[in-house]
Amino acid sequence: MTKKQLALEIIKRLKEAYPDAGCTLDYDEAWKLLVSVRLAAQCTDARVNVIVEKLYEKFPDVDALAAAGVSEIEEIVRPCGLGKSKAKDISACMKMLKEQYGGKVPDDFDALLKLPGVGRKSANLIMGDVFGKPAIVTDTHCIRLVNRMGLVKDIKEPKKVEMELWKIIPPEEGNDFCHRLVEHGRDVCTARTNPHCDRCVLNDICATGKKLMKAEQKTK
């Protein structure tokens, strides 16, 4: 089985296992997803969803957040960790949106990368979830799982993983595929313990799954 064939089979099975997988950050406007994804660094999505409610009560739009002092933002977002740097990036990002894009989030990948606090992962998330364009979000779940599955080999650097996945994942599948990897990574192919290969829908085609299941059979 080639890597492309393996990727298509994994996509098919994960679709069946997680038909409704999507972004777990709450947002109803593009700029809010920008804020949330910055806050989500080293923080759970669940906590971010709680904190942004307080943030938007005080600063309900791009203009209000752009006009806010960094210390005011930091006071609210501190529970997400790295409060000072996140508040600084959010403030600068909202100012740039207001001054250069009329308060609108650009639908161009390179333009997104120029926004303060926005890296490739965040830009891909915006492109896929907000604008419905091809995207591959290489978060920690994605990187861990595609290495275990054998879609990439011993690659940990996010951009390199992304570039390898673009070669084998159909563009129209990339965004949803990455959301499903998050669900699968939380539920089955976990990071803190050994993956639960015994209840994984991929254990007969995943490189790690086949190895672990074979070793388990030998001990019986």
N, C-alpha and C. Protein backbone atom coordinates (compact mmCIF):
# COMPACT_ATOMS: atom_id res chain seq x y z
N MET A 1 0.84 -1.20 0.00
CA MET A 1 0.00 0.00 0.00
C MET A 1 0.88 1.25 0.00
N THR A 2 0.66 2.14 -0.97
CA THR A 2 1.42 3.37 -1.01
C THR A 2 0.94 4.32 0.10
N LYS A 3 1.70 5.38 0.35
CA LYS A 3 1.28 6.34 1.38
C LYS A 3 -0.02 7.03 0.99
N LYS A 4 -0.21 7.30 -0.30
CA LYS A 4 -1.46 7.92 -0.74
C LYS A 4 -2.64 6.98 -0.51
N GLN A 5 -2.44 5.71 -0.81
CA GLN A 5 -3.51 4.73 -0.59
C GLN A 5 -3.80 4.58 0.90
N LEU A 6 -2.73 4.56 1.70
CA LEU A 6 -2.89 4.47 3.15
C LEU A 6 -3.66 5.69 3.67
N ALA A 7 -3.29 6.86 3.18
CA ALA A 7 -3.96 8.09 3.61
C ALA A 7 -5.44 8.05 3.29
N LEU A 8 -5.80 7.60 2.09
CA LEU A 8 -7.20 7.54 1.70
C LEU A 8 -7.99 6.56 2.56
N GLU A 9 -7.39 5.44 2.91
CA GLU A 9 -8.07 4.47 3.75
C GLU A 9 -8.25 5.00 5.17
N ILE A 10 -7.22 5.68 5.68
CA ILE A 10 -7.32 6.29 7.02
C ILE A 10 -8.41 7.35 7.04
N ILE A 11 -8.44 8.19 6.00
CA ILE A 11 -9.48 9.23 5.89
C ILE A 11 -10.86 8.59 5.91
N LYS A 12 -11.04 7.54 5.13
CA LYS A 12 -12.33 6.84 5.04
C LYS A 12 -12.77 6.32 6.41
N ARG A 13 -11.87 5.67 7.10
CA ARG A 13 -12.24 5.07 8.39
C ARG A 13 -12.49 6.13 9.47
N LEU A 14 -11.69 7.19 9.46
CA LEU A 14 -11.90 8.24 10.46
C LEU A 14 -13.20 9.00 10.20
N LYS A 15 -13.59 9.12 8.94
CA LYS A 15 -14.88 9.73 8.62
C LYS A 15 -16.02 8.94 9.25
N GLU A 16 -15.90 7.63 9.19
CA GLU A 16 -16.94 6.78 9.76
C GLU A 16 -16.94 6.85 11.29
N ALA A 17 -15.74 6.95 11.87
CA ALA A 17 -15.62 6.97 13.33
C ALA A 17 -16.00 8.32 13.92
N TYR A 18 -15.68 9.40 13.20
CA TYR A 18 -15.92 10.76 13.70
C TYR A 18 -16.60 11.60 12.62
N PRO A 19 -17.85 11.30 12.32
CA PRO A 19 -18.53 12.00 11.21
C PRO A 19 -18.75 13.49 11.45
N ASP A 20 -18.82 13.89 12.71
CA ASP A 20 -19.14 15.28 13.02
C ASP A 20 -17.96 16.07 13.58
N ALA A 21 -16.76 15.58 13.39
CA ALA A 21 -15.58 16.25 13.95
C ALA A 21 -15.43 17.65 13.36
N GLY A 22 -15.06 18.59 14.22
CA GLY A 22 -14.86 19.97 13.77
C GLY A 22 -14.05 20.73 14.79
N CYS A 23 -13.92 21.99 14.59
CA CYS A 23 -13.16 22.84 15.50
C CYS A 23 -13.86 22.90 16.85
N THR A 24 -13.10 22.71 17.93
CA THR A 24 -13.68 22.73 19.27
C THR A 24 -13.52 24.09 19.95
N LEU A 25 -13.03 25.08 19.22
CA LEU A 25 -13.00 26.45 19.72
C LEU A 25 -14.30 27.14 19.29
N ASP A 26 -14.97 27.79 20.24
CA ASP A 26 -16.23 28.46 19.94
C ASP A 26 -15.97 29.82 19.28
N TYR A 27 -16.66 30.09 18.19
CA TYR A 27 -16.53 31.40 17.53
C TYR A 27 -17.70 31.58 16.58
N ASP A 28 -18.09 32.82 16.35
CA ASP A 28 -19.12 33.11 15.36
C ASP A 28 -18.67 34.17 14.36
N GLU A 29 -17.42 34.62 14.53
CA GLU A 29 -16.82 35.55 13.58
C GLU A 29 -15.34 35.17 13.42
N ALA A 30 -14.80 35.46 12.24
CA ALA A 30 -13.44 35.05 11.93
C ALA A 30 -12.42 35.61 12.91
N TRP A 31 -12.57 36.87 13.31
CA TRP A 31 -11.58 37.48 14.20
C TRP A 31 -11.57 36.80 15.57
N LYS A 32 -12.72 36.27 15.96
CA LYS A 32 -12.78 35.58 17.24
C LYS A 32 -12.00 34.26 17.21
N LEU A 33 -12.01 33.60 16.06
CA LEU A 33 -11.20 32.38 15.95
C LEU A 33 -9.72 32.73 16.00
N LEU A 34 -9.34 33.86 15.42
CA LEU A 34 -7.95 34.32 15.52
C LEU A 34 -7.55 34.50 16.98
N VAL A 35 -8.41 35.12 17.75
CA VAL A 35 -8.13 35.34 19.18
C VAL A 35 -8.04 34.01 19.90
N SER A 36 -9.02 33.14 19.66
CA SER A 36 -9.07 31.87 20.39
C SER A 36 -7.89 30.96 20.09
N VAL A 37 -7.48 30.91 18.82
CA VAL A 37 -6.38 30.01 18.48
C VAL A 37 -5.07 30.50 19.08
N ARG A 38 -4.93 31.83 19.25
CA ARG A 38 -3.73 32.34 19.92
C ARG A 38 -3.77 31.97 21.40
N LEU A 39 -4.93 32.06 22.02
CA LEU A 39 -5.05 31.72 23.44
C LEU A 39 -4.90 30.22 23.68
N ALA A 40 -5.17 29.42 22.66
CA ALA A 40 -5.16 27.97 22.83
C ALA A 40 -3.76 27.37 22.93
N ALA A 41 -2.73 28.15 22.63
CA ALA A 41 -1.36 27.65 22.76
C ALA A 41 -1.10 27.25 24.21
N GLN A 42 -0.77 25.99 24.43
CA GLN A 42 -0.48 25.45 25.77
C GLN A 42 -1.66 25.65 26.72
N CYS A 43 -2.87 25.61 26.17
CA CYS A 43 -4.08 25.73 26.98
C CYS A 43 -5.17 24.89 26.31
N THR A 44 -6.11 24.38 27.10
CA THR A 44 -7.19 23.57 26.53
C THR A 44 -8.22 24.45 25.83
N ASP A 45 -8.83 23.89 24.80
CA ASP A 45 -9.89 24.62 24.10
C ASP A 45 -11.05 24.93 25.03
N ALA A 46 -11.33 24.01 25.93
CA ALA A 46 -12.45 24.21 26.87
C ALA A 46 -12.22 25.45 27.73
N ARG A 47 -11.02 25.63 28.22
CA ARG A 47 -10.73 26.81 29.04
C ARG A 47 -10.79 28.08 28.20
N VAL A 48 -10.25 28.01 26.98
CA VAL A 48 -10.28 29.17 26.09
C VAL A 48 -11.73 29.61 25.86
N ASN A 49 -12.62 28.64 25.63
CA ASN A 49 -14.02 28.97 25.36
C ASN A 49 -14.68 29.71 26.52
N VAL A 50 -14.23 29.43 27.73
CA VAL A 50 -14.76 30.13 28.90
C VAL A 50 -14.18 31.54 28.99
N ILE A 51 -12.88 31.64 28.79
CA ILE A 51 -12.19 32.93 28.95
C ILE A 51 -12.63 33.95 27.90
N VAL A 52 -12.83 33.51 26.66
CA VAL A 52 -13.19 34.48 25.62
C VAL A 52 -14.57 35.08 25.85
N GLU A 53 -15.44 34.38 26.54
CA GLU A 53 -16.75 34.96 26.85
C GLU A 53 -16.57 36.23 27.69
N LYS A 54 -15.67 36.16 28.66
CA LYS A 54 -15.40 37.33 29.50
C LYS A 54 -14.72 38.43 28.68
N LEU A 55 -13.81 38.00 27.78
CA LEU A 55 -13.09 38.97 26.95
C LEU A 55 -14.06 39.74 26.05
N TYR A 56 -15.01 39.03 25.44
CA TYR A 56 -15.92 39.68 24.49
C TYR A 56 -17.02 40.47 25.18
N GLU A 57 -17.29 40.17 26.44
CA GLU A 57 -18.23 40.99 27.19
C GLU A 57 -17.68 42.41 27.33
N LYS A 58 -16.38 42.50 27.52
CA LYS A 58 -15.75 43.80 27.71
C LYS A 58 -15.33 44.43 26.39
N PHE A 59 -14.89 43.58 25.45
CA PHE A 59 -14.41 44.09 24.15
C PHE A 59 -15.14 43.32 23.05
N PRO A 60 -16.32 43.79 22.63
CA PRO A 60 -17.20 42.99 21.76
C PRO A 60 -16.86 42.97 20.27
N ASP A 61 -15.90 43.77 19.83
CA ASP A 61 -15.57 43.75 18.40
C ASP A 61 -14.09 44.10 18.19
N VAL A 62 -13.68 44.06 16.94
CA VAL A 62 -12.27 44.32 16.60
C VAL A 62 -11.85 45.71 17.06
N ASP A 63 -12.69 46.69 16.83
CA ASP A 63 -12.34 48.06 17.21
C ASP A 63 -12.11 48.19 18.72
N ALA A 64 -12.99 47.58 19.50
CA ALA A 64 -12.87 47.67 20.96
C ALA A 64 -11.61 46.97 21.45
N LEU A 65 -11.32 45.81 20.87
CA LEU A 65 -10.13 45.07 21.29
C LEU A 65 -8.86 45.77 20.84
N ALA A 66 -8.91 46.39 19.66
CA ALA A 66 -7.75 47.13 19.16
C ALA A 66 -7.46 48.35 20.03
N ALA A 67 -8.50 48.92 20.61
CA ALA A 67 -8.34 50.11 21.44
C ALA A 67 -7.99 49.78 22.88
N ALA A 68 -8.13 48.52 23.26
CA ALA A 68 -7.87 48.11 24.64
C ALA A 68 -6.38 48.13 24.95
N GLY A 69 -6.06 48.40 26.19
CA GLY A 69 -4.67 48.31 26.62
C GLY A 69 -4.24 46.86 26.76
N VAL A 70 -2.98 46.61 26.51
CA VAL A 70 -2.46 45.23 26.62
C VAL A 70 -2.70 44.69 28.03
N SER A 71 -2.52 45.53 29.03
CA SER A 71 -2.71 45.09 30.41
C SER A 71 -4.16 44.72 30.69
N GLU A 72 -5.10 45.40 30.04
CA GLU A 72 -6.52 45.08 30.21
C GLU A 72 -6.84 43.70 29.63
N ILE A 73 -6.27 43.44 28.47
CA ILE A 73 -6.46 42.13 27.84
C ILE A 73 -5.81 41.05 28.68
N GLU A 74 -4.58 41.32 29.12
CA GLU A 74 -3.84 40.33 29.91
C GLU A 74 -4.58 39.95 31.18
N GLU A 75 -5.20 40.89 31.81
CA GLU A 75 -5.92 40.62 33.05
C GLU A 75 -7.00 39.56 32.85
N ILE A 76 -7.62 39.56 31.68
CA ILE A 76 -8.70 38.61 31.39
C ILE A 76 -8.16 37.27 30.90
N VAL A 77 -7.13 37.31 30.05
CA VAL A 77 -6.67 36.06 29.41
C VAL A 77 -5.60 35.33 30.21
N ARG A 78 -5.16 35.90 31.32
CA ARG A 78 -4.09 35.29 32.11
C ARG A 78 -4.34 33.81 32.44
N PRO A 79 -5.58 33.38 32.75
CA PRO A 79 -5.81 31.97 33.06
C PRO A 79 -5.45 31.00 31.93
N CYS A 80 -5.29 31.52 30.72
CA CYS A 80 -4.90 30.67 29.59
C CYS A 80 -3.39 30.42 29.55
N GLY A 81 -2.64 31.09 30.44
CA GLY A 81 -1.19 30.95 30.44
C GLY A 81 -0.54 31.88 29.44
N LEU A 82 0.71 32.22 29.71
CA LEU A 82 1.47 33.11 28.82
C LEU A 82 0.70 34.40 28.54
N GLY A 83 0.04 34.90 29.59
CA GLY A 83 -0.88 36.02 29.44
C GLY A 83 -0.29 37.25 28.79
N LYS A 84 0.93 37.61 29.18
CA LYS A 84 1.52 38.84 28.65
C LYS A 84 1.78 38.75 27.16
N SER A 85 2.39 37.67 26.71
CA SER A 85 2.71 37.55 25.28
C SER A 85 1.45 37.37 24.44
N LYS A 86 0.47 36.63 24.97
CA LYS A 86 -0.77 36.44 24.22
C LYS A 86 -1.54 37.75 24.11
N ALA A 87 -1.60 38.50 25.20
CA ALA A 87 -2.31 39.78 25.19
C ALA A 87 -1.64 40.75 24.22
N LYS A 88 -0.32 40.75 24.20
CA LYS A 88 0.43 41.63 23.29
C LYS A 88 0.13 41.28 21.84
N ASP A 89 0.13 39.98 21.52
CA ASP A 89 -0.15 39.54 20.15
C ASP A 89 -1.58 39.85 19.74
N ILE A 90 -2.53 39.61 20.64
CA ILE A 90 -3.94 39.87 20.33
C ILE A 90 -4.15 41.35 20.06
N SER A 91 -3.58 42.19 20.90
CA SER A 91 -3.70 43.64 20.73
C SER A 91 -3.13 44.07 19.39
N ALA A 92 -1.92 43.63 19.08
CA ALA A 92 -1.27 44.01 17.82
C ALA A 92 -2.02 43.47 16.61
N CYS A 93 -2.54 42.25 16.73
CA CYS A 93 -3.29 41.63 15.64
C CYS A 93 -4.57 42.40 15.34
N MET A 94 -5.31 42.76 16.39
CA MET A 94 -6.56 43.50 16.19
C MET A 94 -6.28 44.89 15.61
N LYS A 95 -5.21 45.52 16.05
CA LYS A 95 -4.83 46.83 15.49
C LYS A 95 -4.54 46.71 13.99
N MET A 96 -3.83 45.65 13.62
CA MET A 96 -3.49 45.45 12.21
C MET A 96 -4.74 45.16 11.38
N LEU A 97 -5.64 44.37 11.93
CA LEU A 97 -6.90 44.09 11.23
C LEU A 97 -7.67 45.39 10.99
N LYS A 98 -7.72 46.22 12.01
CA LYS A 98 -8.46 47.48 11.92
C LYS A 98 -7.82 48.44 10.92
N GLU A 99 -6.51 48.58 11.01
CA GLU A 99 -5.82 49.59 10.21
C GLU A 99 -5.58 49.18 8.76
N GLN A 100 -5.34 47.87 8.54
CA GLN A 100 -4.98 47.44 7.19
C GLN A 100 -6.08 46.67 6.46
N TYR A 101 -7.04 46.12 7.20
CA TYR A 101 -8.04 45.27 6.55
C TYR A 101 -9.48 45.66 6.89
N GLY A 102 -9.65 46.87 7.42
CA GLY A 102 -11.00 47.33 7.72
C GLY A 102 -11.73 46.48 8.73
N GLY A 103 -10.97 45.84 9.62
CA GLY A 103 -11.58 45.01 10.65
C GLY A 103 -11.93 43.61 10.19
N LYS A 104 -11.62 43.28 8.93
CA LYS A 104 -11.92 41.96 8.38
C LYS A 104 -10.68 41.07 8.37
N VAL A 105 -10.87 39.79 8.56
CA VAL A 105 -9.76 38.84 8.50
C VAL A 105 -9.49 38.50 7.04
N PRO A 106 -8.25 38.65 6.57
CA PRO A 106 -7.95 38.36 5.17
C PRO A 106 -8.06 36.87 4.86
N ASP A 107 -8.47 36.57 3.63
CA ASP A 107 -8.62 35.17 3.23
C ASP A 107 -7.43 34.70 2.41
N ASP A 108 -6.29 35.31 2.65
CA ASP A 108 -5.05 34.97 1.95
C ASP A 108 -4.05 34.42 2.97
N PHE A 109 -3.49 33.26 2.69
CA PHE A 109 -2.61 32.59 3.64
C PHE A 109 -1.40 33.44 4.02
N ASP A 110 -0.75 34.02 3.03
CA ASP A 110 0.45 34.83 3.30
C ASP A 110 0.10 36.07 4.11
N ALA A 111 -1.06 36.65 3.84
CA ALA A 111 -1.50 37.82 4.61
C ALA A 111 -1.76 37.44 6.06
N LEU A 112 -2.34 36.28 6.27
CA LEU A 112 -2.59 35.81 7.63
C LEU A 112 -1.29 35.64 8.41
N LEU A 113 -0.27 35.14 7.73
CA LEU A 113 1.02 34.91 8.39
C LEU A 113 1.68 36.21 8.85
N LYS A 114 1.28 37.32 8.26
CA LYS A 114 1.86 38.61 8.65
C LYS A 114 1.20 39.19 9.90
N LEU A 115 0.07 38.61 10.30
CA LEU A 115 -0.61 39.09 11.50
C LEU A 115 0.16 38.65 12.74
N PRO A 116 0.32 39.52 13.72
CA PRO A 116 1.05 39.16 14.96
C PRO A 116 0.43 37.95 15.64
N GLY A 117 1.29 37.02 16.02
CA GLY A 117 0.84 35.83 16.74
C GLY A 117 0.26 34.73 15.88
N VAL A 118 0.28 34.91 14.56
CA VAL A 118 -0.30 33.91 13.65
C VAL A 118 0.82 33.15 12.94
N GLY A 119 0.85 31.84 13.17
CA GLY A 119 1.80 30.97 12.48
C GLY A 119 1.08 30.11 11.47
N ARG A 120 1.76 29.15 10.90
CA ARG A 120 1.18 28.31 9.86
C ARG A 120 -0.02 27.52 10.37
N LYS A 121 0.07 27.01 11.59
CA LYS A 121 -1.04 26.22 12.14
C LYS A 121 -2.30 27.07 12.22
N SER A 122 -2.16 28.27 12.78
CA SER A 122 -3.32 29.16 12.92
C SER A 122 -3.85 29.60 11.57
N ALA A 123 -2.95 29.94 10.66
CA ALA A 123 -3.36 30.38 9.33
C ALA A 123 -4.12 29.28 8.59
N ASN A 124 -3.64 28.06 8.71
CA ASN A 124 -4.34 26.94 8.07
C ASN A 124 -5.73 26.74 8.68
N LEU A 125 -5.83 26.86 9.99
CA LEU A 125 -7.12 26.69 10.65
C LEU A 125 -8.12 27.73 10.14
N ILE A 126 -7.68 28.98 10.03
CA ILE A 126 -8.54 30.05 9.53
C ILE A 126 -8.94 29.77 8.08
N MET A 127 -7.98 29.39 7.26
CA MET A 127 -8.26 29.13 5.84
C MET A 127 -9.28 28.01 5.69
N GLY A 128 -9.13 26.96 6.48
CA GLY A 128 -10.04 25.82 6.36
C GLY A 128 -11.39 26.04 7.00
N ASP A 129 -11.41 26.48 8.24
CA ASP A 129 -12.67 26.57 8.98
C ASP A 129 -13.49 27.80 8.61
N VAL A 130 -12.83 28.92 8.37
CA VAL A 130 -13.55 30.15 8.07
C VAL A 130 -13.86 30.28 6.58
N PHE A 131 -12.86 30.01 5.76
CA PHE A 131 -13.01 30.28 4.32
C PHE A 131 -13.23 29.02 3.48
N GLY A 132 -13.21 27.84 4.10
CA GLY A 132 -13.48 26.61 3.38
C GLY A 132 -12.47 26.27 2.31
N LYS A 133 -11.23 26.72 2.52
CA LYS A 133 -10.17 26.45 1.54
C LYS A 133 -9.29 25.30 2.03
N PRO A 134 -8.52 24.68 1.12
CA PRO A 134 -7.64 23.58 1.53
C PRO A 134 -6.73 23.98 2.68
N ALA A 135 -6.61 23.10 3.66
CA ALA A 135 -5.81 23.42 4.85
C ALA A 135 -5.34 22.15 5.52
N ILE A 136 -4.16 22.22 6.10
CA ILE A 136 -3.64 21.12 6.92
C ILE A 136 -3.08 21.73 8.19
N VAL A 137 -3.72 21.43 9.30
CA VAL A 137 -3.35 22.01 10.60
C VAL A 137 -2.48 21.01 11.35
N THR A 138 -1.19 21.27 11.41
CA THR A 138 -0.26 20.33 12.05
C THR A 138 -0.07 20.70 13.52
N ASP A 139 -1.08 20.36 14.33
CA ASP A 139 -0.96 20.54 15.77
C ASP A 139 -0.29 19.31 16.37
N THR A 140 -0.21 19.25 17.68
CA THR A 140 0.52 18.14 18.32
C THR A 140 -0.14 16.79 18.05
N HIS A 141 -1.48 16.77 18.00
CA HIS A 141 -2.18 15.51 17.70
C HIS A 141 -1.83 15.03 16.30
N CYS A 142 -1.92 15.94 15.34
CA CYS A 142 -1.62 15.59 13.95
C CYS A 142 -0.20 15.04 13.82
N ILE A 143 0.75 15.73 14.38
CA ILE A 143 2.15 15.31 14.26
C ILE A 143 2.37 13.94 14.89
N ARG A 144 1.82 13.74 16.07
CA ARG A 144 1.98 12.45 16.76
C ARG A 144 1.34 11.31 15.97
N LEU A 145 0.12 11.53 15.52
CA LEU A 145 -0.63 10.45 14.87
C LEU A 145 -0.09 10.09 13.50
N VAL A 146 0.24 11.07 12.68
CA VAL A 146 0.70 10.73 11.33
C VAL A 146 2.06 10.04 11.37
N ASN A 147 2.87 10.33 12.40
CA ASN A 147 4.11 9.59 12.57
C ASN A 147 3.83 8.16 12.99
N ARG A 148 2.92 7.98 13.93
CA ARG A 148 2.58 6.62 14.37
C ARG A 148 1.96 5.81 13.25
N MET A 149 1.14 6.46 12.44
CA MET A 149 0.45 5.76 11.36
C MET A 149 1.38 5.37 10.22
N GLY A 150 2.49 6.09 10.09
CA GLY A 150 3.41 5.81 8.99
C GLY A 150 3.18 6.70 7.78
N LEU A 151 2.36 7.75 7.94
CA LEU A 151 2.16 8.68 6.83
C LEU A 151 3.38 9.58 6.65
N VAL A 152 4.08 9.84 7.74
CA VAL A 152 5.40 10.47 7.69
C VAL A 152 6.31 9.65 8.59
N LYS A 153 7.61 9.81 8.42
CA LYS A 153 8.54 9.00 9.20
C LYS A 153 9.50 9.88 9.98
N ASP A 154 9.36 9.83 11.30
CA ASP A 154 10.28 10.53 12.22
C ASP A 154 10.43 12.01 11.88
N ILE A 155 9.31 12.66 11.59
CA ILE A 155 9.32 14.10 11.34
C ILE A 155 8.50 14.78 12.43
N LYS A 156 9.10 15.69 13.14
CA LYS A 156 8.42 16.36 14.24
C LYS A 156 8.17 17.85 13.98
N GLU A 157 8.92 18.43 13.05
CA GLU A 157 8.79 19.87 12.79
C GLU A 157 7.49 20.13 12.03
N PRO A 158 6.61 20.98 12.59
CA PRO A 158 5.27 21.17 12.01
C PRO A 158 5.24 21.47 10.52
N LYS A 159 6.07 22.39 10.06
CA LYS A 159 6.03 22.76 8.65
C LYS A 159 6.44 21.59 7.76
N LYS A 160 7.43 20.82 8.18
CA LYS A 160 7.87 19.68 7.39
C LYS A 160 6.78 18.61 7.33
N VAL A 161 6.08 18.40 8.46
CA VAL A 161 4.96 17.45 8.47
C VAL A 161 3.87 17.94 7.52
N GLU A 162 3.56 19.23 7.58
CA GLU A 162 2.54 19.80 6.71
C GLU A 162 2.89 19.59 5.24
N MET A 163 4.14 19.87 4.88
CA MET A 163 4.56 19.73 3.48
C MET A 163 4.45 18.28 3.00
N GLU A 164 4.78 17.33 3.87
CA GLU A 164 4.68 15.92 3.51
C GLU A 164 3.22 15.50 3.33
N LEU A 165 2.35 16.02 4.19
CA LEU A 165 0.93 15.65 4.11
C LEU A 165 0.26 16.23 2.87
N TRP A 166 0.70 17.42 2.46
CA TRP A 166 0.14 18.00 1.24
C TRP A 166 0.34 17.06 0.04
N LYS A 167 1.39 16.24 0.08
CA LYS A 167 1.71 15.35 -1.04
C LYS A 167 0.75 14.17 -1.12
N ILE A 168 0.12 13.81 0.00
CA ILE A 168 -0.65 12.57 0.02
C ILE A 168 -2.12 12.74 0.45
N ILE A 169 -2.47 13.90 0.98
CA ILE A 169 -3.85 14.13 1.41
C ILE A 169 -4.57 14.96 0.35
N PRO A 170 -5.71 14.49 -0.16
CA PRO A 170 -6.46 15.31 -1.12
C PRO A 170 -6.80 16.68 -0.51
N PRO A 171 -6.60 17.76 -1.25
CA PRO A 171 -6.80 19.11 -0.69
C PRO A 171 -8.15 19.30 -0.02
N GLU A 172 -9.19 18.73 -0.60
CA GLU A 172 -10.54 18.92 -0.05
C GLU A 172 -10.76 18.14 1.25
N GLU A 173 -9.85 17.24 1.58
CA GLU A 173 -10.00 16.41 2.78
C GLU A 173 -9.15 16.91 3.95
N GLY A 174 -8.14 17.75 3.67
CA GLY A 174 -7.14 18.08 4.68
C GLY A 174 -7.68 18.66 5.97
N ASN A 175 -8.57 19.65 5.87
CA ASN A 175 -9.05 20.33 7.07
C ASN A 175 -9.83 19.39 7.98
N ASP A 176 -10.80 18.67 7.43
CA ASP A 176 -11.60 17.74 8.24
C ASP A 176 -10.74 16.59 8.76
N PHE A 177 -9.80 16.13 7.95
CA PHE A 177 -8.90 15.07 8.37
C PHE A 177 -8.16 15.46 9.64
N CYS A 178 -7.66 16.69 9.68
CA CYS A 178 -6.91 17.14 10.86
C CYS A 178 -7.81 17.28 12.08
N HIS A 179 -9.05 17.71 11.89
CA HIS A 179 -9.99 17.76 13.02
C HIS A 179 -10.25 16.36 13.56
N ARG A 180 -10.35 15.40 12.65
CA ARG A 180 -10.59 14.02 13.09
C ARG A 180 -9.37 13.43 13.79
N LEU A 181 -8.19 13.86 13.40
CA LEU A 181 -6.99 13.41 14.11
C LEU A 181 -7.00 13.91 15.55
N VAL A 182 -7.50 15.12 15.77
CA VAL A 182 -7.61 15.64 17.13
C VAL A 182 -8.55 14.76 17.96
N GLU A 183 -9.71 14.45 17.40
CA GLU A 183 -10.67 13.61 18.12
C GLU A 183 -10.07 12.24 18.41
N HIS A 184 -9.43 11.65 17.41
CA HIS A 184 -8.84 10.32 17.58
C HIS A 184 -7.68 10.36 18.57
N GLY A 185 -6.91 11.45 18.53
CA GLY A 185 -5.78 11.60 19.44
C GLY A 185 -6.21 11.76 20.88
N ARG A 186 -7.34 12.38 21.10
CA ARG A 186 -7.85 12.55 22.46
C ARG A 186 -8.50 11.27 22.98
N ASP A 187 -9.16 10.56 22.08
CA ASP A 187 -9.97 9.41 22.49
C ASP A 187 -9.21 8.08 22.49
N VAL A 188 -8.36 7.88 21.50
CA VAL A 188 -7.74 6.57 21.30
C VAL A 188 -6.21 6.63 21.24
N CYS A 189 -5.70 7.43 20.34
CA CYS A 189 -4.25 7.46 20.11
C CYS A 189 -3.60 8.53 20.99
N THR A 190 -3.69 8.30 22.29
CA THR A 190 -3.33 9.32 23.27
C THR A 190 -1.82 9.50 23.41
N ALA A 191 -1.46 10.63 24.00
CA ALA A 191 -0.04 10.99 24.12
C ALA A 191 0.57 10.53 25.43
N ARG A 192 -0.17 10.63 26.52
CA ARG A 192 0.41 10.38 27.84
C ARG A 192 0.53 8.90 28.17
N THR A 193 -0.24 8.09 27.51
CA THR A 193 -0.16 6.65 27.73
C THR A 193 0.05 5.97 26.38
N ASN A 194 0.26 4.65 26.41
CA ASN A 194 0.36 3.94 25.15
C ASN A 194 -0.95 4.08 24.39
N PRO A 195 -0.89 4.15 23.07
CA PRO A 195 -2.13 4.24 22.30
C PRO A 195 -3.00 3.00 22.52
N HIS A 196 -4.31 3.22 22.50
CA HIS A 196 -5.26 2.12 22.75
C HIS A 196 -5.53 1.38 21.44
N CYS A 197 -4.52 0.69 20.96
CA CYS A 197 -4.60 0.04 19.65
C CYS A 197 -5.68 -1.05 19.60
N ASP A 198 -5.99 -1.61 20.77
CA ASP A 198 -6.98 -2.69 20.81
C ASP A 198 -8.36 -2.22 20.38
N ARG A 199 -8.65 -0.92 20.52
CA ARG A 199 -9.96 -0.41 20.12
C ARG A 199 -9.85 0.65 19.03
N CYS A 200 -8.78 0.58 18.27
CA CYS A 200 -8.54 1.55 17.20
C CYS A 200 -9.03 1.00 15.86
N VAL A 201 -9.75 1.81 15.11
CA VAL A 201 -10.28 1.38 13.81
C VAL A 201 -9.19 1.28 12.75
N LEU A 202 -7.97 1.68 13.12
CA LEU A 202 -6.87 1.68 12.16
C LEU A 202 -5.80 0.64 12.49
N ASN A 203 -6.04 -0.19 13.50
CA ASN A 203 -4.94 -1.02 14.03
C ASN A 203 -4.39 -2.05 13.05
N ASP A 204 -5.10 -2.33 11.95
CA ASP A 204 -4.59 -3.28 10.97
C ASP A 204 -3.84 -2.62 9.82
N ILE A 205 -3.86 -1.27 9.78
CA ILE A 205 -3.15 -0.56 8.71
C ILE A 205 -2.15 0.47 9.25
N CYS A 206 -2.27 0.81 10.52
CA CYS A 206 -1.36 1.76 11.14
C CYS A 206 -0.03 1.08 11.46
N ALA A 207 1.08 1.71 11.15
CA ALA A 207 2.40 1.12 11.36
C ALA A 207 2.61 0.75 12.83
N THR A 208 2.28 1.68 13.73
CA THR A 208 2.45 1.42 15.16
C THR A 208 1.44 0.40 15.64
N GLY A 209 0.20 0.52 15.18
CA GLY A 209 -0.85 -0.40 15.60
C GLY A 209 -0.54 -1.83 15.24
N LYS A 210 -0.08 -2.06 14.02
CA LYS A 210 0.24 -3.42 13.59
C LYS A 210 1.35 -4.01 14.45
N LYS A 211 2.35 -3.18 14.76
CA LYS A 211 3.48 -3.64 15.55
C LYS A 211 3.05 -3.99 16.98
N LEU A 212 2.27 -3.12 17.60
CA LEU A 212 1.85 -3.34 18.98
C LEU A 212 0.87 -4.49 19.11
N MET A 213 -0.03 -4.59 18.15
CA MET A 213 -1.01 -5.69 18.18
C MET A 213 -0.32 -7.03 17.96
N LYS A 214 0.69 -7.08 17.11
CA LYS A 214 1.44 -8.31 16.87
C LYS A 214 2.20 -8.71 18.13
N ALA A 215 2.80 -7.73 18.81
CA ALA A 215 3.55 -8.01 20.05
C ALA A 215 2.60 -8.51 21.12
N GLU A 216 1.38 -7.95 21.17
CA GLU A 216 0.41 -8.38 22.18
C GLU A 216 -0.04 -9.81 21.95
N GLN A 217 -0.20 -10.18 20.69
CA GLN A 217 -0.62 -11.53 20.36
C GLN A 217 0.43 -12.55 20.76
N LYS A 218 1.69 -12.17 20.66
CA LYS A 218 2.78 -13.09 21.02
C LYS A 218 2.81 -13.40 22.51
N THR A 219 2.32 -12.44 23.31
CA THR A 219 2.36 -12.63 24.76
C THR A 219 1.18 -13.46 25.27
N LYS A 220 0.22 -13.71 24.40
CA LYS A 220 -0.96 -14.49 24.82
C LYS A 220 -0.68 -15.98 24.75
